[in-house]
Protein backbone atom coordinates (compact mmCIF):
# COMPACT_ATOMS: atom_id res chain seq x y z
CA UNK A 1 3.09 -14.58 10.34
CA UNK A 2 -0.18 -14.82 8.42
CA UNK A 3 -0.27 -11.01 8.34
CA UNK A 4 3.21 -10.96 6.78
CA UNK A 5 2.25 -13.52 4.11
CA UNK A 6 -0.95 -11.62 3.33
CA UNK A 7 0.87 -8.31 2.95
CA UNK A 8 3.59 -9.78 0.72
CA UNK A 9 0.94 -11.41 -1.48
CA UNK A 10 -1.10 -8.21 -1.72
CA UNK A 11 1.92 -6.13 -2.74
CA UNK A 12 2.84 -8.74 -5.35
CA UNK A 13 -0.63 -8.74 -6.91
CA UNK A 14 -0.88 -4.94 -7.00
CA UNK A 15 2.65 -4.61 -8.40
CA UNK A 16 1.94 -7.05 -11.22
CA UNK A 17 -1.20 -5.09 -12.11
CA UNK A 18 0.75 -1.84 -12.07
CA UNK A 19 3.67 -3.27 -14.03
CA UNK A 20 2.29 -2.37 -17.45
CA UNK A 21 1.23 1.10 -16.31
CA UNK A 22 4.62 2.36 -15.14
CA UNK A 23 6.14 4.53 -17.87
CA UNK A 24 9.73 4.12 -18.91
CA UNK A 25 12.12 6.92 -18.09
CA UNK A 26 14.77 8.06 -15.68
CA UNK A 27 14.02 7.40 -12.01
CA UNK A 28 13.97 10.61 -9.97
CA UNK A 29 15.66 10.91 -6.54
CA UNK A 30 18.04 8.10 -7.49
CA UNK A 31 20.56 9.37 -4.93
CA UNK A 32 18.38 7.88 -2.16
CA UNK A 33 19.55 4.43 -3.23
CA UNK A 34 22.98 5.30 -1.84
CA UNK A 35 21.37 4.57 1.53
CA UNK A 36 21.68 6.40 4.82
CA UNK A 37 24.02 5.93 7.78
CA UNK A 38 27.47 4.39 7.50
CA UNK A 39 26.43 1.43 9.65
CA UNK A 40 23.80 0.23 7.18
CA UNK A 41 25.88 1.13 4.12
CA UNK A 42 28.85 -0.85 5.46
CA UNK A 43 26.55 -3.88 5.61
CA UNK A 44 25.66 -3.60 1.94
CA UNK A 45 22.38 -1.85 2.70
CA UNK A 46 20.92 -5.14 4.02
CA UNK A 47 19.06 -3.35 6.79
CA UNK A 48 15.35 -3.75 6.15
CA UNK A 49 15.01 -6.42 8.87
CA UNK A 50 17.47 -4.88 11.37
CA UNK A 51 15.51 -3.36 14.23
CA UNK A 52 18.02 -1.15 16.06
CA UNK A 53 19.65 2.19 15.32
CA UNK A 54 18.57 5.43 13.68
CA UNK A 55 18.76 4.03 10.09
CA UNK A 56 15.57 2.06 10.76
CA UNK A 57 13.49 5.18 10.01
CA UNK A 58 14.67 5.01 6.39
CA UNK A 59 15.10 1.27 5.86
CA UNK A 60 11.89 0.17 7.60
CA UNK A 61 9.66 2.56 9.59
CA UNK A 62 7.92 -0.38 11.30
CA UNK A 63 11.08 -0.94 13.39
CA UNK A 64 10.51 2.42 15.07
CA UNK A 65 8.04 0.59 17.33
CA UNK A 66 11.04 -1.23 18.85
CA UNK A 67 13.17 1.88 19.47
CA UNK A 68 14.09 2.39 23.12
CA UNK A 69 16.37 5.44 23.00
CA UNK A 70 16.26 8.91 21.50
CA UNK A 71 18.78 8.88 18.64
CA UNK A 72 20.02 11.86 16.65
CA UNK A 73 22.42 11.18 13.80
CA UNK A 74 23.99 12.65 10.67
CA UNK A 75 25.95 11.45 7.64
CA UNK A 76 28.23 13.07 5.07
CA UNK A 77 29.73 11.74 1.85
CA UNK A 78 31.25 13.01 -1.38
CA UNK A 79 30.01 10.41 -3.88
CA UNK A 80 32.68 9.24 -6.34
CA UNK A 81 35.27 11.70 -4.99
CA UNK A 82 35.36 15.31 -3.79
CA UNK A 83 36.67 16.61 -7.14
CA UNK A 84 33.25 16.23 -8.75
CA UNK A 85 31.65 18.80 -6.46
CA UNK A 86 28.94 16.40 -5.28
CA UNK A 87 28.01 16.24 -1.60
CA UNK A 88 25.48 14.01 0.13
CA UNK A 89 24.07 14.59 3.64
CA UNK A 90 21.57 12.96 5.93
CA UNK A 91 20.13 13.98 9.31
CA UNK A 92 17.62 12.00 11.36
CA UNK A 93 16.05 11.96 14.82
CA UNK A 94 14.23 9.00 16.41
CA UNK A 95 11.86 9.38 19.38
CA UNK A 96 10.46 6.26 21.14
CA UNK A 97 7.08 7.45 22.42
CA UNK A 98 6.25 4.18 24.20
CA UNK A 99 9.21 4.75 26.54
CA UNK A 100 8.05 8.29 27.29
CA UNK A 101 4.47 7.27 28.05
CA UNK A 102 5.06 3.73 29.40
CA UNK A 103 2.70 2.37 26.76
CA UNK A 104 2.04 -1.36 26.71
CA UNK A 105 2.62 -1.34 22.98
CA UNK A 106 5.70 -0.07 21.22
CA UNK A 107 5.39 3.25 19.43
CA UNK A 108 8.07 5.39 17.81
CA UNK A 109 8.35 8.33 15.42
CA UNK A 110 11.17 9.87 13.40
CA UNK A 111 12.00 12.77 11.13
CA UNK A 112 14.60 12.49 8.38
CA UNK A 113 16.21 14.79 5.84
CA UNK A 114 18.55 13.68 3.10
CA UNK A 115 19.96 15.78 0.30
CA UNK A 116 22.32 15.78 -2.66
CA UNK A 117 24.07 18.92 -3.90
CA UNK A 118 25.98 19.28 -7.17
CA UNK A 119 28.06 22.44 -7.20
CA UNK A 120 29.83 24.41 -9.93
CA UNK A 121 27.82 23.16 -12.90
CA UNK A 122 29.00 25.34 -15.79
CA UNK A 123 26.84 26.88 -18.52
CA UNK A 124 29.03 27.97 -21.41
CA UNK A 125 28.30 31.20 -23.27
CA UNK A 126 27.58 30.28 -26.90
CA UNK A 127 28.79 33.69 -28.10
CA UNK A 128 31.99 33.47 -26.06
CA UNK A 129 33.10 29.81 -25.74
CA UNK A 130 35.82 30.78 -23.29
CA UNK A 131 33.45 32.12 -20.65
CA UNK A 132 30.43 30.89 -18.74
CA UNK A 133 28.57 30.89 -15.45
CA UNK A 134 28.07 28.19 -12.86
CA UNK A 135 25.10 27.09 -10.78
CA UNK A 136 24.20 24.53 -8.10
CA UNK A 137 21.57 21.79 -8.34
CA UNK A 138 19.97 20.30 -5.23
CA UNK A 139 17.76 17.28 -4.46
CA UNK A 140 16.11 16.86 -1.06
CA UNK A 141 13.85 14.33 0.64
CA UNK A 142 11.96 15.11 3.85
CA UNK A 143 10.42 12.18 5.74
CA UNK A 144 8.09 11.80 8.72
CA UNK A 145 7.85 8.19 9.91
CA UNK A 146 6.11 6.13 12.55
CA UNK A 147 6.06 2.55 13.79
CA UNK A 148 3.63 0.78 16.10
CA UNK A 149 3.51 -2.70 17.62
CA UNK A 150 0.27 -4.10 16.26
CA UNK A 151 0.37 -7.37 18.20
CA UNK A 152 3.14 -9.22 20.01
CA UNK A 153 6.16 -9.65 17.73
CA UNK A 154 4.52 -7.84 14.82
CA UNK A 155 5.08 -4.15 14.06
CA UNK A 156 3.79 -1.99 11.23
CA UNK A 157 4.76 1.49 10.15
CA UNK A 158 4.75 4.09 7.45
CA UNK A 159 6.43 7.22 6.18
CA UNK A 160 5.26 10.30 4.30
CA UNK A 161 7.87 11.86 2.01
CA UNK A 162 8.25 15.22 0.32
CA UNK A 163 10.59 15.48 -2.68
CA UNK A 164 12.13 18.79 -3.76
CA UNK A 165 14.51 19.31 -6.69
CA UNK A 166 16.05 22.61 -7.84
CA UNK A 167 17.95 23.42 -11.05
CA UNK A 168 18.33 27.10 -12.03
CA UNK A 169 14.76 28.45 -12.19
CA UNK A 170 13.25 24.98 -12.32
CA UNK A 171 11.46 23.47 -9.33
CA UNK A 172 10.38 19.88 -9.01
CA UNK A 173 8.15 18.65 -6.21
CA UNK A 174 6.40 15.40 -5.34
CA UNK A 175 5.14 13.25 -2.48
CA UNK A 176 5.48 9.58 -1.66
CA UNK A 177 4.41 6.98 0.89
CA UNK A 178 6.32 4.03 2.37
CA UNK A 179 4.71 1.09 4.21
CA UNK A 180 6.68 -1.27 6.43
CA UNK A 181 6.28 -4.42 8.49
CA UNK A 182 8.58 -6.29 10.89
CA UNK A 183 7.90 -9.71 12.41
CA UNK A 184 10.05 -11.32 15.12
CA UNK A 185 10.39 -15.01 15.93
CA UNK A 186 12.77 -17.42 17.62
CA UNK A 187 14.19 -20.62 16.18
CA UNK A 188 15.63 -22.57 19.05
CA UNK A 189 17.27 -19.77 20.99
CA UNK A 190 18.18 -17.70 17.94
CA UNK A 191 16.21 -14.47 17.43
CA UNK A 192 15.21 -13.79 13.83
CA UNK A 193 13.44 -10.80 12.33
CA UNK A 194 11.75 -10.55 8.94
CA UNK A 195 11.16 -7.14 7.41
CA UNK A 196 9.26 -5.73 4.47
CA UNK A 197 9.38 -2.11 3.33
CA UNK A 198 7.42 -1.00 0.28
CA UNK A 199 8.81 2.40 -0.73
CA UNK A 200 6.99 4.94 -2.91
CA UNK A 201 3.95 2.69 -3.05
CA UNK A 202 2.34 2.73 -6.48
CA UNK A 203 5.14 4.98 -7.83
CA UNK A 204 5.74 8.62 -6.84
CA UNK A 205 5.87 11.50 -9.30
CA UNK A 206 7.98 14.65 -9.25
CA UNK A 207 6.32 17.43 -11.27
CA UNK A 208 8.44 20.30 -12.57
CA UNK A 209 7.68 23.98 -13.10
CA UNK A 210 9.81 26.80 -14.47
CA UNK A 211 11.51 24.57 -17.05
CA UNK A 212 10.98 23.87 -20.73
CA UNK A 213 8.08 21.46 -21.08
CA UNK A 214 7.64 21.12 -17.29
CA UNK A 215 8.26 17.35 -17.36
CA UNK A 216 7.20 14.69 -14.87
CA UNK A 217 9.84 12.37 -13.40
CA UNK A 218 9.06 9.09 -11.73
CA UNK A 219 10.41 7.52 -8.54
CA UNK A 220 10.46 3.72 -8.72
CA UNK A 221 8.22 1.65 -6.49
CA UNK A 222 10.67 -0.61 -4.63
CA UNK A 223 9.67 -3.52 -2.41
CA UNK A 224 12.42 -4.52 0.01
CA UNK A 225 12.24 -7.88 1.77
CA UNK A 226 14.87 -8.98 4.26
CA UNK A 227 15.85 -11.20 7.17
CA UNK A 228 18.25 -10.61 10.07
CA UNK A 229 19.74 -13.05 12.58
CA UNK A 230 21.52 -12.00 15.76
CA UNK A 231 23.95 -14.37 17.47
CA UNK A 232 24.63 -12.67 20.77
CA UNK A 233 27.13 -15.27 21.99
CA UNK A 234 29.29 -14.44 18.94
CA UNK A 235 28.46 -10.70 18.96
CA UNK A 236 27.41 -11.19 15.35
CA UNK A 237 24.57 -9.80 13.26
CA UNK A 238 23.88 -11.29 9.82
CA UNK A 239 21.37 -9.79 7.38
CA UNK A 240 20.23 -10.31 3.81
CA UNK A 241 17.57 -8.87 1.55
CA UNK A 242 16.25 -8.28 -1.93
CA UNK A 243 15.12 -5.00 -3.51
CA UNK A 244 12.46 -5.50 -6.17
CA UNK A 245 11.96 -2.33 -8.22
CA UNK A 246 8.62 -2.71 -9.98
CA UNK A 247 8.85 -2.52 -13.80
CA UNK A 248 12.50 -1.42 -13.70
CA UNK A 249 15.57 -2.90 -15.45
CA UNK A 250 17.54 -5.86 -14.08
CA UNK A 251 20.31 -3.53 -12.89
CA UNK A 252 17.89 -2.07 -10.32
CA UNK A 253 16.88 -5.45 -8.84
CA UNK A 254 19.37 -5.93 -6.02
CA UNK A 255 20.35 -8.77 -3.71
CA UNK A 256 22.02 -7.57 -0.50
CA UNK A 257 23.96 -9.25 2.32
CA UNK A 258 25.89 -7.93 5.29
CA UNK A 259 27.65 -8.87 8.51
CA UNK A 260 28.35 -6.91 11.69
CA UNK A 261 30.78 -8.25 14.32
CA UNK A 262 31.99 -6.75 17.59
CA UNK A 263 35.30 -8.39 18.60
CA UNK A 264 35.48 -6.07 21.63
CA UNK A 265 32.68 -4.01 23.13
CA UNK A 266 33.48 -0.50 21.75
CA UNK A 267 34.52 -1.70 18.27
CA UNK A 268 32.38 -3.04 15.44
CA UNK A 269 33.52 -4.37 12.07
CA UNK A 270 31.23 -4.63 9.06
CA UNK A 271 31.25 -6.09 5.56
CA UNK A 272 28.67 -6.50 2.86
CA UNK A 273 27.95 -6.99 -0.78
CA UNK A 274 25.36 -6.39 -3.47
CA UNK A 275 24.48 -8.28 -6.62
CA UNK A 276 22.09 -6.99 -9.27
CA UNK A 277 20.21 -9.33 -11.57
CA UNK A 278 22.29 -8.15 -14.53
CA UNK A 279 25.39 -9.50 -12.76
CA UNK A 280 26.87 -6.26 -11.41
CA UNK A 281 28.60 -6.80 -8.05
CA UNK A 282 29.40 -4.39 -5.26
CA UNK A 283 31.52 -4.64 -2.12
CA UNK A 284 31.19 -2.61 1.07
CA UNK A 285 33.11 -2.46 4.33
CA UNK A 286 32.92 -0.42 7.50
CA UNK A 287 33.94 0.12 11.08
CA UNK A 288 32.17 1.59 14.09
CA UNK A 289 33.28 2.94 17.47
CA UNK A 290 30.96 3.47 20.42
CA UNK A 291 32.07 5.81 23.23
CA UNK A 292 30.56 5.95 26.73
CA UNK A 293 27.51 4.10 25.42
CA UNK A 294 26.17 7.39 24.05
CA UNK A 295 28.27 8.42 21.04
CA UNK A 296 28.75 6.33 17.93
CA UNK A 297 31.10 7.07 15.04
CA UNK A 298 30.81 4.98 11.89
CA UNK A 299 32.70 4.78 8.61
CA UNK A 300 31.84 2.87 5.43
CA UNK A 301 33.46 2.42 2.06
CA UNK A 302 31.63 1.40 -1.10
CA UNK A 303 33.86 0.17 -3.91
CA UNK A 304 33.19 1.95 -7.18
CA UNK A 305 32.66 0.45 -10.60
CA UNK A 306 33.45 3.46 -12.77
CA UNK A 307 33.97 6.79 -11.05
CA UNK A 308 35.74 5.42 -7.99
CA UNK A 309 34.71 4.40 -4.51
CA UNK A 310 32.78 6.48 -2.00
CA UNK A 311 33.59 7.13 1.66
CA UNK A 312 30.71 7.62 4.13
CA UNK A 313 31.02 9.01 7.63
CA UNK A 314 28.26 9.28 10.24
CA UNK A 315 27.80 9.83 13.96
CA UNK A 316 24.98 9.33 16.46
CA UNK A 317 24.10 10.64 19.89
CA UNK A 318 21.80 8.49 22.01
CA UNK A 319 20.12 9.47 25.26
């Protein structure tokens, strides 16, 4: 636990020093804050301390050290409704190397791709207002992650990320680094995990070429701290967390909470909520179905505040 306290303190000190250096502006790759996997999204995104399932590669790479099965999964969503021409996808694969090599220490790796596509964006012809052409804009994130059990009940991990954005002839590219930690303990007979994931440490930058001015966009440095409690006798998982976006507005500082309950073995029900420091609230819900112990199908709904709610669907194959 001393390692966890030290890491949290170090991130806090560095973040306060960096606070005045972070320029104002629009955060790039904002679509990533939608989250990945309908299981985690249905729980309000409170997943940084949850240590099972393919979403761990995104929410906290340190949890990969605890993976025990190969897991391949994918997600699809049309944010705010299909009529807007926006599609969001995610694909990930988790490989537990400690199981393959019978290592005494946990070790796992993962690869992840997530992307947003906006189709049929129209450019009107100034000389002929009734005509125009359309184009498609894309944002992608590629991640390679690892997690390793440093000592008993303490895992660390990291992820390297490549950002790519495309609009007409413009190309934006950048890199980022995530650092994660998961500690496990038991209070009485109740297992508890505490997770920390510092994403885009120090702030990542996407640099553009082929556009007017070739601007630089910034990806916020977000520190995510969470706790998860599993009550096996009730088939219940409860999780909560806080996302602290360094030097960003109150609307980007988010409290998260979620529940997952399995009333019968193949079926799982989920609910969650978010609250930003400016008072904005969000509600999520979801359901999961596990077949033959190998296939999982999950659905989540996020209530909208302006453009309507969003439906998320994902599936996983474990072997």
